[in-house]
Amino acid sequence: MIPRQVFVGDHATLVLQLPAAAQNSPDIVITSNSEFLPADPDIDFHKIIYEQRIAGSRLIIEFTPFIPGSLEFPVIEIGDEYFAGLTVTVSKIIDDKTSNVLTGAASTLAIPGTAFMIYGSLAVIIFAFFLVFFFVIKGRKLFKDIIEIIKLNRLFSSLRKSTKRLHKDLFKGTDRRQILDKLSDEFRIFLTNLTGINCRAMTAREFEELKLLREETTVYECTPVFLSDFFKKCDNLRFSGIYIIPNDLLQLLEDIKRFLNILEDLRKKEKKMRQNEEKQ
């Protein structure tokens, strides 16, 4: 028997050793699709193989039993041979000698790291709860401030890239009046996005009333007077018809770079002052 101890529902194999045959012959195989496979209400036969060899023949029977005890196979007919009286012993999965009552729960095992895993998970859950609570209370304002910071960073970065590109175009020999037009337009677009006021159609004098910061500043580069003077220079060079020298454009590009650096520092200081006021 393979395995030696067969339980109900097991797929088992019975190997029956037979006398040697007069000559070697091809194996005779009966599968589950064949009508010659024996039938039994308590046994399900899968395959029967009859091996005929000079060294010794064998009958191999693959089956599955459905009841325990001593089972006798029906008569097996294969290759003009009949095999009867074959029996197998099938064991029960549950021993009748023992009580059919489930045992109690096994004691818990002290696995290293279990306490850390449990308390760590609880800590993560509590932290997540407070994080959600904080977001509900102050998350909207915080999210709004983050978006505003990202927009400002992109805005300043965009103008810096534009000035660098125009600086390269100047040394490549691009038309200086065209560079001046782009410089003026890019700066006006930047101020429009920064203040929310349409600066593209404003005259140089109208920039004297434009307010960039909440608090007044003594830094000339970030006052409305600076903007008014800057665009007056641009307009004089653009519409006067005079010859534009490279130093004039380089000075305007340098003024914008200095303006961006100082304005970023002032806006950071103003933000800190506003936060201190809110805390108070």
C-alpha atoms as a PDB file:
ATOM      1  CA  MET A   1       0.000   0.000   0.000  1.00  0.00           C
ATOM      2  CA  ILE A   2       1.159   3.526  -0.794  1.00  0.00           C
ATOM      3  CA  PRO A   3       0.908   5.122   1.693  1.00  0.00           C
ATOM      4  CA  ARG A   4       1.096   2.303   4.219  1.00  0.00           C
ATOM      5  CA  GLN A   5      -1.749   3.749   6.312  1.00  0.00           C
ATOM      6  CA  VAL A   6      -4.722   4.929   4.293  1.00  0.00           C
ATOM      7  CA  PHE A   7      -7.456   7.189   5.699  1.00  0.00           C
ATOM      8  CA  VAL A   8     -10.922   7.903   4.360  1.00  0.00           C
ATOM      9  CA  GLY A   9     -10.664  10.193   1.347  1.00  0.00           C
ATOM     10  CA  ASP A  10      -6.967   9.512   0.672  1.00  0.00           C
ATOM     11  CA  HIS A  11      -5.689   8.895  -2.833  1.00  0.00           C
ATOM     12  CA  ALA A  12      -3.981   5.509  -2.363  1.00  0.00           C
ATOM     13  CA  THR A  13      -2.238   2.915  -4.525  1.00  0.00           C
ATOM     14  CA  LEU A  14      -2.258  -0.862  -4.097  1.00  0.00           C
ATOM     15  CA  VAL A  15       0.700  -2.637  -5.729  1.00  0.00           C
ATOM     16  CA  LEU A  16       0.198  -6.399  -6.141  1.00  0.00           C
ATOM     17  CA  GLN A  17       3.319  -8.430  -6.971  1.00  0.00           C
ATOM     18  CA  LEU A  18       2.623 -11.221  -9.562  1.00  0.00           C
ATOM     19  CA  PRO A  19       4.634 -14.110 -10.980  1.00  0.00           C
ATOM     20  CA  ALA A  20       7.002 -13.479 -13.856  1.00  0.00           C
ATOM     21  CA  ALA A  21       5.566 -13.540 -17.376  1.00  0.00           C
ATOM     22  CA  ALA A  22       6.856 -15.720 -20.202  1.00  0.00           C
ATOM     23  CA  GLN A  23       7.850 -12.592 -22.121  1.00  0.00           C
ATOM     24  CA  ASN A  24       7.765  -8.838 -21.746  1.00  0.00           C
ATOM     25  CA  SER A  25       4.525  -7.234 -22.963  1.00  0.00           C
ATOM     26  CA  PRO A  26       3.267  -3.636 -23.186  1.00  0.00           C
ATOM     27  CA  ASP A  27       1.462  -2.342 -20.108  1.00  0.00           C
ATOM     28  CA  ILE A  28      -2.312  -2.571 -20.071  1.00  0.00           C
ATOM     29  CA  VAL A  29      -3.872   0.582 -18.620  1.00  0.00           C
ATOM     30  CA  ILE A  30      -7.501   1.165 -17.637  1.00  0.00           C
ATOM     31  CA  THR A  31      -8.313   4.801 -16.804  1.00  0.00           C
ATOM     32  CA  SER A  32     -11.399   6.509 -15.403  1.00  0.00           C
ATOM     33  CA  ASN A  33     -12.671   7.067 -18.962  1.00  0.00           C
ATOM     34  CA  SER A  34     -12.759   3.335 -19.689  1.00  0.00           C
ATOM     35  CA  GLU A  35     -15.886   1.190 -19.303  1.00  0.00           C
ATOM     36  CA  PHE A  36     -13.771  -1.735 -17.970  1.00  0.00           C
ATOM     37  CA  LEU A  37     -12.913   0.122 -14.763  1.00  0.00           C
ATOM     38  CA  PRO A  38     -14.668  -1.688 -11.847  1.00  0.00           C
ATOM     39  CA  ALA A  39     -17.415   0.095  -9.912  1.00  0.00           C
ATOM     40  CA  ASP A  40     -18.043   0.062  -6.169  1.00  0.00           C
ATOM     41  CA  PRO A  41     -20.245   2.375  -4.043  1.00  0.00           C
ATOM     42  CA  ASP A  42     -17.571   2.707  -1.348  1.00  0.00           C
ATOM     43  CA  ILE A  43     -14.483   2.940  -3.542  1.00  0.00           C
ATOM     44  CA  ASP A  44     -13.611   5.298  -6.372  1.00  0.00           C
ATOM     45  CA  PHE A  45     -11.149   3.676  -8.835  1.00  0.00           C
ATOM     46  CA  HIS A  46      -8.889   6.062 -10.782  1.00  0.00           C
ATOM     47  CA  LYS A  47      -6.495   3.861 -12.762  1.00  0.00           C
ATOM     48  CA  ILE A  48      -5.452   0.201 -13.064  1.00  0.00           C
ATOM     49  CA  ILE A  49      -2.139  -0.811 -14.674  1.00  0.00           C
ATOM     50  CA  TYR A  50      -1.114  -4.406 -15.512  1.00  0.00           C
ATOM     51  CA  GLU A  51       2.638  -4.786 -16.033  1.00  0.00           C
ATOM     52  CA  GLN A  52       3.896  -8.066 -17.541  1.00  0.00           C
ATOM     53  CA  ARG A  53       7.671  -8.561 -17.186  1.00  0.00           C
ATOM     54  CA  ILE A  54      10.082 -11.494 -17.217  1.00  0.00           C
ATOM     55  CA  ALA A  55      11.611 -10.182 -14.005  1.00  0.00           C
ATOM     56  CA  GLY A  56       8.196 -10.059 -12.325  1.00  0.00           C
ATOM     57  CA  SER A  57       4.749  -8.698 -13.130  1.00  0.00           C
ATOM     58  CA  ARG A  58       2.675  -6.206 -11.135  1.00  0.00           C
ATOM     59  CA  LEU A  59      -0.910  -5.030 -10.809  1.00  0.00           C
ATOM     60  CA  ILE A  60      -1.160  -1.373  -9.754  1.00  0.00           C
ATOM     61  CA  ILE A  61      -4.527  -0.051  -8.587  1.00  0.00           C
ATOM     62  CA  GLU A  62      -5.092   3.645  -7.791  1.00  0.00           C
ATOM     63  CA  PHE A  63      -8.217   4.329  -5.739  1.00  0.00           C
ATOM     64  CA  THR A  64      -9.910   6.466  -3.059  1.00  0.00           C
ATOM     65  CA  PRO A  65     -11.937   4.854  -0.218  1.00  0.00           C
ATOM     66  CA  PHE A  66     -14.973   6.554   1.327  1.00  0.00           C
ATOM     67  CA  ILE A  67     -15.642   4.377   4.389  1.00  0.00           C
ATOM     68  CA  PRO A  68     -13.296   2.990   7.064  1.00  0.00           C
ATOM     69  CA  GLY A  69     -12.633  -0.657   7.798  1.00  0.00           C
ATOM     70  CA  SER A  70     -11.664  -3.652   5.719  1.00  0.00           C
ATOM     71  CA  LEU A  71     -12.790  -3.160   2.110  1.00  0.00           C
ATOM     72  CA  GLU A  72     -12.814  -5.860  -0.554  1.00  0.00           C
ATOM     73  CA  PHE A  73     -12.292  -4.855  -4.153  1.00  0.00           C
ATOM     74  CA  PRO A  74     -14.734  -6.144  -6.788  1.00  0.00           C
ATOM     75  CA  VAL A  75     -13.425  -8.634  -9.333  1.00  0.00           C
ATOM     76  CA  ILE A  76     -10.950  -6.894 -11.633  1.00  0.00           C
ATOM     77  CA  GLU A  77     -10.769  -8.025 -15.251  1.00  0.00           C
ATOM     78  CA  ILE A  78      -7.743  -6.873 -17.220  1.00  0.00           C
ATOM     79  CA  GLY A  79      -5.750  -8.466 -20.053  1.00  0.00           C
ATOM     80  CA  ASP A  80      -7.719 -11.732 -20.014  1.00  0.00           C
ATOM     81  CA  GLU A  81      -6.896 -12.074 -16.321  1.00  0.00           C
ATOM     82  CA  TYR A  82      -9.248 -11.909 -13.325  1.00  0.00           C
ATOM     83  CA  PHE A  83      -8.217 -10.731  -9.875  1.00  0.00           C
ATOM     84  CA  ALA A  84     -10.553 -11.324  -6.940  1.00  0.00           C
ATOM     85  CA  GLY A  85     -10.364 -11.287  -3.142  1.00  0.00           C
ATOM     86  CA  LEU A  86      -8.172  -8.173  -2.913  1.00  0.00           C
ATOM     87  CA  THR A  87      -8.756  -6.330   0.353  1.00  0.00           C
ATOM     88  CA  VAL A  88      -7.423  -3.128   1.943  1.00  0.00           C
ATOM     89  CA  THR A  89      -7.724  -1.661   5.419  1.00  0.00           C
ATOM     90  CA  VAL A  90      -8.868   1.965   5.682  1.00  0.00           C
ATOM     91  CA  SER A  91      -8.358   3.880   8.944  1.00  0.00           C
ATOM     92  CA  LYS A  92     -10.576   6.522  10.525  1.00  0.00           C
ATOM     93  CA  ILE A  93      -9.373  10.068  10.842  1.00  0.00           C
ATOM     94  CA  ILE A  94     -10.970  10.336  14.321  1.00  0.00           C
ATOM     95  CA  ASP A  95     -10.047   7.687  16.859  1.00  0.00           C
ATOM     96  CA  ASP A  96     -13.118   6.123  18.552  1.00  0.00           C
ATOM     97  CA  LYS A  97     -11.129   5.621  21.760  1.00  0.00           C
ATOM     98  CA  THR A  98     -10.787   9.342  22.343  1.00  0.00           C
ATOM     99  CA  SER A  99     -13.497  11.793  23.346  1.00  0.00           C
ATOM    100  CA  ASN A 100     -15.180  13.679  20.521  1.00  0.00           C
ATOM    101  CA  VAL A 101     -14.820  16.979  22.389  1.00  0.00           C
ATOM    102  CA  LEU A 102     -12.654  19.816  21.138  1.00  0.00           C
ATOM    103  CA  THR A 103      -9.743  20.693  23.364  1.00  0.00           C
ATOM    104  CA  GLY A 104      -9.374  24.136  24.871  1.00  0.00           C
ATOM    105  CA  ALA A 105      -7.495  26.971  23.299  1.00  0.00           C
ATOM    106  CA  ALA A 106      -3.729  26.654  23.317  1.00  0.00           C
ATOM    107  CA  SER A 107      -1.770  28.973  25.531  1.00  0.00           C
ATOM    108  CA  THR A 108      -0.370  32.067  23.880  1.00  0.00           C
ATOM    109  CA  LEU A 109       3.248  31.964  22.831  1.00  0.00           C
ATOM    110  CA  ALA A 110       5.618  34.683  23.926  1.00  0.00           C
ATOM    111  CA  ILE A 111       6.976  35.674  20.523  1.00  0.00           C
ATOM    112  CA  PRO A 112       9.779  38.259  20.663  1.00  0.00           C
ATOM    113  CA  GLY A 113       8.637  41.637  19.345  1.00  0.00           C
ATOM    114  CA  THR A 114       4.919  40.986  19.826  1.00  0.00           C
ATOM    115  CA  ALA A 115       4.491  43.746  22.412  1.00  0.00           C
ATOM    116  CA  PHE A 116       6.392  46.207  20.227  1.00  0.00           C
ATOM    117  CA  MET A 117       4.210  45.328  17.238  1.00  0.00           C
ATOM    118  CA  ILE A 118       0.953  45.738  19.207  1.00  0.00           C
ATOM    119  CA  TYR A 119       1.837  48.981  20.974  1.00  0.00           C
ATOM    120  CA  GLY A 120       3.531  50.331  17.858  1.00  0.00           C
ATOM    121  CA  SER A 121       0.378  49.711  15.829  1.00  0.00           C
ATOM    122  CA  LEU A 122      -1.719  51.458  18.493  1.00  0.00           C
ATOM    123  CA  ALA A 123       0.660  54.418  18.452  1.00  0.00           C
ATOM    124  CA  VAL A 124       0.417  54.698  14.667  1.00  0.00           C
ATOM    125  CA  ILE A 125      -3.402  54.567  14.813  1.00  0.00           C
ATOM    126  CA  ILE A 126      -3.545  57.265  17.522  1.00  0.00           C
ATOM    127  CA  PHE A 127      -1.083  59.446  15.584  1.00  0.00           C
ATOM    128  CA  ALA A 128      -3.149  59.042  12.407  1.00  0.00           C
ATOM    129  CA  PHE A 129      -6.306  60.005  14.326  1.00  0.00           C
ATOM    130  CA  PHE A 130      -4.740  63.208  15.680  1.00  0.00           C
ATOM    131  CA  LEU A 131      -3.319  63.993  12.238  1.00  0.00           C
ATOM    132  CA  VAL A 132      -6.788  63.750  10.685  1.00  0.00           C
ATOM    133  CA  PHE A 133      -8.240  65.830  13.551  1.00  0.00           C
ATOM    134  CA  PHE A 134      -5.556  68.491  13.057  1.00  0.00           C
ATOM    135  CA  PHE A 135      -6.194  68.573   9.313  1.00  0.00           C
ATOM    136  CA  VAL A 136      -9.923  69.045   9.854  1.00  0.00           C
ATOM    137  CA  ILE A 137      -9.314  71.938  12.281  1.00  0.00           C
ATOM    138  CA  LYS A 138      -6.400  73.745  10.614  1.00  0.00           C
ATOM    139  CA  GLY A 139      -5.784  71.754   7.473  1.00  0.00           C
ATOM    140  CA  ARG A 140      -7.633  74.053   5.098  1.00  0.00           C
ATOM    141  CA  LYS A 141      -5.650  77.127   6.031  1.00  0.00           C
ATOM    142  CA  LEU A 142      -2.405  75.153   6.041  1.00  0.00           C
ATOM    143  CA  PHE A 143      -3.202  73.641   2.647  1.00  0.00           C
ATOM    144  CA  LYS A 144      -4.046  77.091   1.306  1.00  0.00           C
ATOM    145  CA  ASP A 145      -0.738  78.498   2.578  1.00  0.00           C
ATOM    146  CA  ILE A 146       1.193  75.619   0.985  1.00  0.00           C
ATOM    147  CA  ILE A 147      -0.481  76.214  -2.380  1.00  0.00           C
ATOM    148  CA  GLU A 148       0.302  79.923  -2.147  1.00  0.00           C
ATOM    149  CA  ILE A 149       3.963  79.196  -1.394  1.00  0.00           C
ATOM    150  CA  ILE A 150       4.199  76.820  -4.360  1.00  0.00           C
ATOM    151  CA  LYS A 151       2.625  79.396  -6.684  1.00  0.00           C
ATOM    152  CA  LEU A 152       5.014  82.110  -5.505  1.00  0.00           C
ATOM    153  CA  ASN A 153       8.047  79.871  -5.929  1.00  0.00           C
ATOM    154  CA  ARG A 154       6.971  79.021  -9.481  1.00  0.00           C
ATOM    155  CA  LEU A 155       6.309  82.691 -10.212  1.00  0.00           C
ATOM    156  CA  PHE A 156       9.754  83.833  -9.043  1.00  0.00           C
ATOM    157  CA  SER A 157      11.437  80.876 -10.764  1.00  0.00           C
ATOM    158  CA  SER A 158       9.699  81.673 -14.044  1.00  0.00           C
ATOM    159  CA  LEU A 159      10.921  85.283 -14.086  1.00  0.00           C
ATOM    160  CA  ARG A 160      14.467  84.216 -13.157  1.00  0.00           C
ATOM    161  CA  LYS A 161      14.530  81.767 -16.063  1.00  0.00           C
ATOM    162  CA  SER A 162      13.232  84.464 -18.407  1.00  0.00           C
ATOM    163  CA  THR A 163      15.987  86.907 -17.397  1.00  0.00           C
ATOM    164  CA  LYS A 164      18.650  84.233 -17.901  1.00  0.00           C
ATOM    165  CA  ARG A 165      17.260  83.423 -21.341  1.00  0.00           C
ATOM    166  CA  LEU A 166      17.203  87.097 -22.353  1.00  0.00           C
ATOM    167  CA  HIS A 167      20.739  87.489 -21.037  1.00  0.00           C
ATOM    168  CA  LYS A 168      21.890  84.673 -23.343  1.00  0.00           C
ATOM    169  CA  ASP A 169      19.915  86.108 -26.266  1.00  0.00           C
ATOM    170  CA  LEU A 170      21.735  89.422 -25.805  1.00  0.00           C
ATOM    171  CA  PHE A 171      25.144  87.803 -26.245  1.00  0.00           C
ATOM    172  CA  LYS A 172      23.882  85.718 -29.155  1.00  0.00           C
ATOM    173  CA  GLY A 173      23.174  88.891 -31.101  1.00  0.00           C
ATOM    174  CA  THR A 174      19.371  88.890 -30.909  1.00  0.00           C
ATOM    175  CA  ASP A 175      17.743  92.211 -31.742  1.00  0.00           C
ATOM    176  CA  ARG A 176      18.069  94.412 -28.646  1.00  0.00           C
ATOM    177  CA  ARG A 177      14.742  96.173 -29.096  1.00  0.00           C
ATOM    178  CA  GLN A 178      13.054  92.771 -29.258  1.00  0.00           C
ATOM    179  CA  ILE A 179      14.842  91.723 -26.045  1.00  0.00           C
ATOM    180  CA  LEU A 180      13.689  94.944 -24.388  1.00  0.00           C
ATOM    181  CA  ASP A 181      10.072  94.304 -25.407  1.00  0.00           C
ATOM    182  CA  LYS A 182      10.169  90.796 -23.962  1.00  0.00           C
ATOM    183  CA  LEU A 183      11.819  92.039 -20.771  1.00  0.00           C
ATOM    184  CA  SER A 184       9.121  94.626 -20.190  1.00  0.00           C
ATOM    185  CA  ASP A 185       6.288  92.207 -20.977  1.00  0.00           C
ATOM    186  CA  GLU A 186       7.675  89.408 -18.775  1.00  0.00           C
ATOM    187  CA  PHE A 187       8.129  91.767 -15.828  1.00  0.00           C
ATOM    188  CA  ARG A 188       4.603  93.163 -16.206  1.00  0.00           C
ATOM    189  CA  ILE A 189       3.138  89.629 -16.327  1.00  0.00           C
ATOM    190  CA  PHE A 190       5.057  88.757 -13.163  1.00  0.00           C
ATOM    191  CA  LEU A 191       3.699  91.811 -11.324  1.00  0.00           C
ATOM    192  CA  THR A 192       0.178  91.027 -12.527  1.00  0.00           C
ATOM    193  CA  ASN A 193       0.302  87.501 -11.099  1.00  0.00           C
ATOM    194  CA  LEU A 194       1.944  88.748  -7.898  1.00  0.00           C
ATOM    195  CA  THR A 195      -0.491  91.558  -7.065  1.00  0.00           C
ATOM    196  CA  GLY A 196      -3.674  90.433  -8.822  1.00  0.00           C
ATOM    197  CA  ILE A 197      -3.807  93.800 -10.602  1.00  0.00           C
ATOM    198  CA  ASN A 198      -3.525  94.060 -14.384  1.00  0.00           C
ATOM    199  CA  CYS A 199      -0.097  95.653 -14.813  1.00  0.00           C
ATOM    200  CA  ARG A 200       0.223  95.007 -18.536  1.00  0.00           C
ATOM    201  CA  ALA A 201      -1.732  98.123 -19.492  1.00  0.00           C
ATOM    202  CA  MET A 202      -0.384 100.403 -16.757  1.00  0.00           C
ATOM    203  CA  THR A 203       1.768 103.437 -17.514  1.00  0.00           C
ATOM    204  CA  ALA A 204       5.067 104.024 -15.753  1.00  0.00           C
ATOM    205  CA  ARG A 205       3.493 106.725 -13.553  1.00  0.00           C
ATOM    206  CA  GLU A 206       0.648 104.408 -12.467  1.00  0.00           C
ATOM    207  CA  PHE A 207       3.196 102.023 -10.920  1.00  0.00           C
ATOM    208  CA  GLU A 208       3.851 104.652  -8.217  1.00  0.00           C
ATOM    209  CA  GLU A 209       0.590 103.590  -6.552  1.00  0.00           C
ATOM    210  CA  LEU A 210       1.206  99.819  -6.795  1.00  0.00           C
ATOM    211  CA  LYS A 211       1.701  98.186  -3.404  1.00  0.00           C
ATOM    212  CA  LEU A 212       3.762  94.983  -3.300  1.00  0.00           C
ATOM    213  CA  LEU A 213       3.949  94.444   0.458  1.00  0.00           C
ATOM    214  CA  ARG A 214       1.607  95.014   3.373  1.00  0.00           C
ATOM    215  CA  GLU A 215       4.226  97.026   5.269  1.00  0.00           C
ATOM    216  CA  GLU A 216       6.088  99.988   3.845  1.00  0.00           C
ATOM    217  CA  THR A 217       9.752  99.330   3.071  1.00  0.00           C
ATOM    218  CA  THR A 218      12.765 101.613   2.814  1.00  0.00           C
ATOM    219  CA  VAL A 219      14.452  99.340   0.262  1.00  0.00           C
ATOM    220  CA  TYR A 220      14.319 101.276  -2.998  1.00  0.00           C
ATOM    221  CA  GLU A 221      14.298  98.192  -5.256  1.00  0.00           C
ATOM    222  CA  CYS A 222      10.940  97.081  -3.810  1.00  0.00           C
ATOM    223  CA  THR A 223       9.117 100.426  -3.695  1.00  0.00           C
ATOM    224  CA  PRO A 224       6.572 101.679  -6.230  1.00  0.00           C
ATOM    225  CA  VAL A 225       9.068 104.449  -7.138  1.00  0.00           C
ATOM    226  CA  PHE A 226      11.557 101.825  -8.312  1.00  0.00           C
ATOM    227  CA  LEU A 227       8.952 100.209 -10.553  1.00  0.00           C
ATOM    228  CA  SER A 228       7.951 103.578 -11.984  1.00  0.00           C
ATOM    229  CA  ASP A 229      11.589 104.489 -12.728  1.00  0.00           C
ATOM    230  CA  PHE A 230      12.270 101.031 -14.198  1.00  0.00           C
ATOM    231  CA  PHE A 231       9.431 101.162 -16.704  1.00  0.00           C
ATOM    232  CA  LYS A 232      10.273 104.797 -17.574  1.00  0.00           C
ATOM    233  CA  LYS A 233      13.738 103.601 -18.601  1.00  0.00           C
ATOM    234  CA  CYS A 234      12.191 100.775 -20.610  1.00  0.00           C
ATOM    235  CA  ASP A 235       9.755 103.120 -22.373  1.00  0.00           C
ATOM    236  CA  ASN A 236      12.472 105.668 -23.153  1.00  0.00           C
ATOM    237  CA  LEU A 237      14.654 103.001 -24.736  1.00  0.00           C
ATOM    238  CA  ARG A 238      11.746 101.375 -26.575  1.00  0.00           C
ATOM    239  CA  PHE A 239      10.003 104.429 -28.037  1.00  0.00           C
ATOM    240  CA  SER A 240      12.669 107.149 -28.225  1.00  0.00           C
ATOM    241  CA  GLY A 241      14.339 105.583 -31.254  1.00  0.00           C
ATOM    242  CA  ILE A 242      17.810 105.967 -29.777  1.00  0.00           C
ATOM    243  CA  TYR A 243      20.459 103.298 -30.181  1.00  0.00           C
ATOM    244  CA  ILE A 244      20.264 100.697 -27.422  1.00  0.00           C
ATOM    245  CA  ILE A 245      23.651  99.719 -26.017  1.00  0.00           C
ATOM    246  CA  PRO A 246      24.135  96.300 -24.333  1.00  0.00           C
ATOM    247  CA  ASN A 247      25.002  97.893 -20.977  1.00  0.00           C
ATOM    248  CA  ASP A 248      21.514  99.424 -20.753  1.00  0.00           C
ATOM    249  CA  LEU A 249      19.898  95.976 -21.129  1.00  0.00           C
ATOM    250  CA  LEU A 250      22.377  94.359 -18.751  1.00  0.00           C
ATOM    251  CA  GLN A 251      21.580  97.020 -16.138  1.00  0.00           C
ATOM    252  CA  LEU A 252      17.826  96.380 -16.501  1.00  0.00           C
ATOM    253  CA  LEU A 253      18.332  92.613 -16.172  1.00  0.00           C
ATOM    254  CA  GLU A 254      20.498  93.159 -13.097  1.00  0.00           C
ATOM    255  CA  ASP A 255      17.810  95.431 -11.579  1.00  0.00           C
ATOM    256  CA  ILE A 256      15.216  92.657 -11.951  1.00  0.00           C
ATOM    257  CA  LYS A 257      17.513  90.071 -10.324  1.00  0.00           C
ATOM    258  CA  ARG A 258      18.166  92.369  -7.368  1.00  0.00           C
ATOM    259  CA  PHE A 259      14.446  93.158  -7.163  1.00  0.00           C
ATOM    260  CA  LEU A 260      13.564  89.440  -6.930  1.00  0.00           C
ATOM    261  CA  ASN A 261      16.164  88.711  -4.243  1.00  0.00           C
ATOM    262  CA  ILE A 262      15.138  91.635  -2.032  1.00  0.00           C
ATOM    263  CA  LEU A 263      11.426  91.049  -2.547  1.00  0.00           C
ATOM    264  CA  GLU A 264      11.708  87.395  -1.517  1.00  0.00           C
ATOM    265  CA  ASP A 265      13.521  88.364   1.697  1.00  0.00           C
ATOM    266  CA  LEU A 266      10.967  91.069   2.523  1.00  0.00           C
ATOM    267  CA  ARG A 267       8.021  88.756   1.891  1.00  0.00           C
ATOM    268  CA  LYS A 268       9.537  86.163   4.265  1.00  0.00           C
ATOM    269  CA  LYS A 269       9.946  88.796   6.973  1.00  0.00           C
ATOM    270  CA  GLU A 270       6.385  89.999   6.438  1.00  0.00           C
ATOM    271  CA  LYS A 271       5.123  86.418   6.719  1.00  0.00           C
ATOM    272  CA  LYS A 272       6.898  85.946  10.057  1.00  0.00           C
ATOM    273  CA  MET A 273       5.420  89.200  11.375  1.00  0.00           C
ATOM    274  CA  ARG A 274       1.941  88.068  10.335  1.00  0.00           C
ATOM    275  CA  GLN A 275       2.389  84.731  12.068  1.00  0.00           C
ATOM    276  CA  ASN A 276       3.527  86.440  15.267  1.00  0.00           C
ATOM    277  CA  GLU A 277       0.460  88.678  15.155  1.00  0.00           C
ATOM    278  CA  GLU A 278      -1.827  85.653  14.784  1.00  0.00           C
ATOM    279  CA  LYS A 279      -0.193  83.941  17.775  1.00  0.00           C
ATOM    280  CA  GLN A 280      -0.684  87.016  19.922  1.00  0.00           C
END
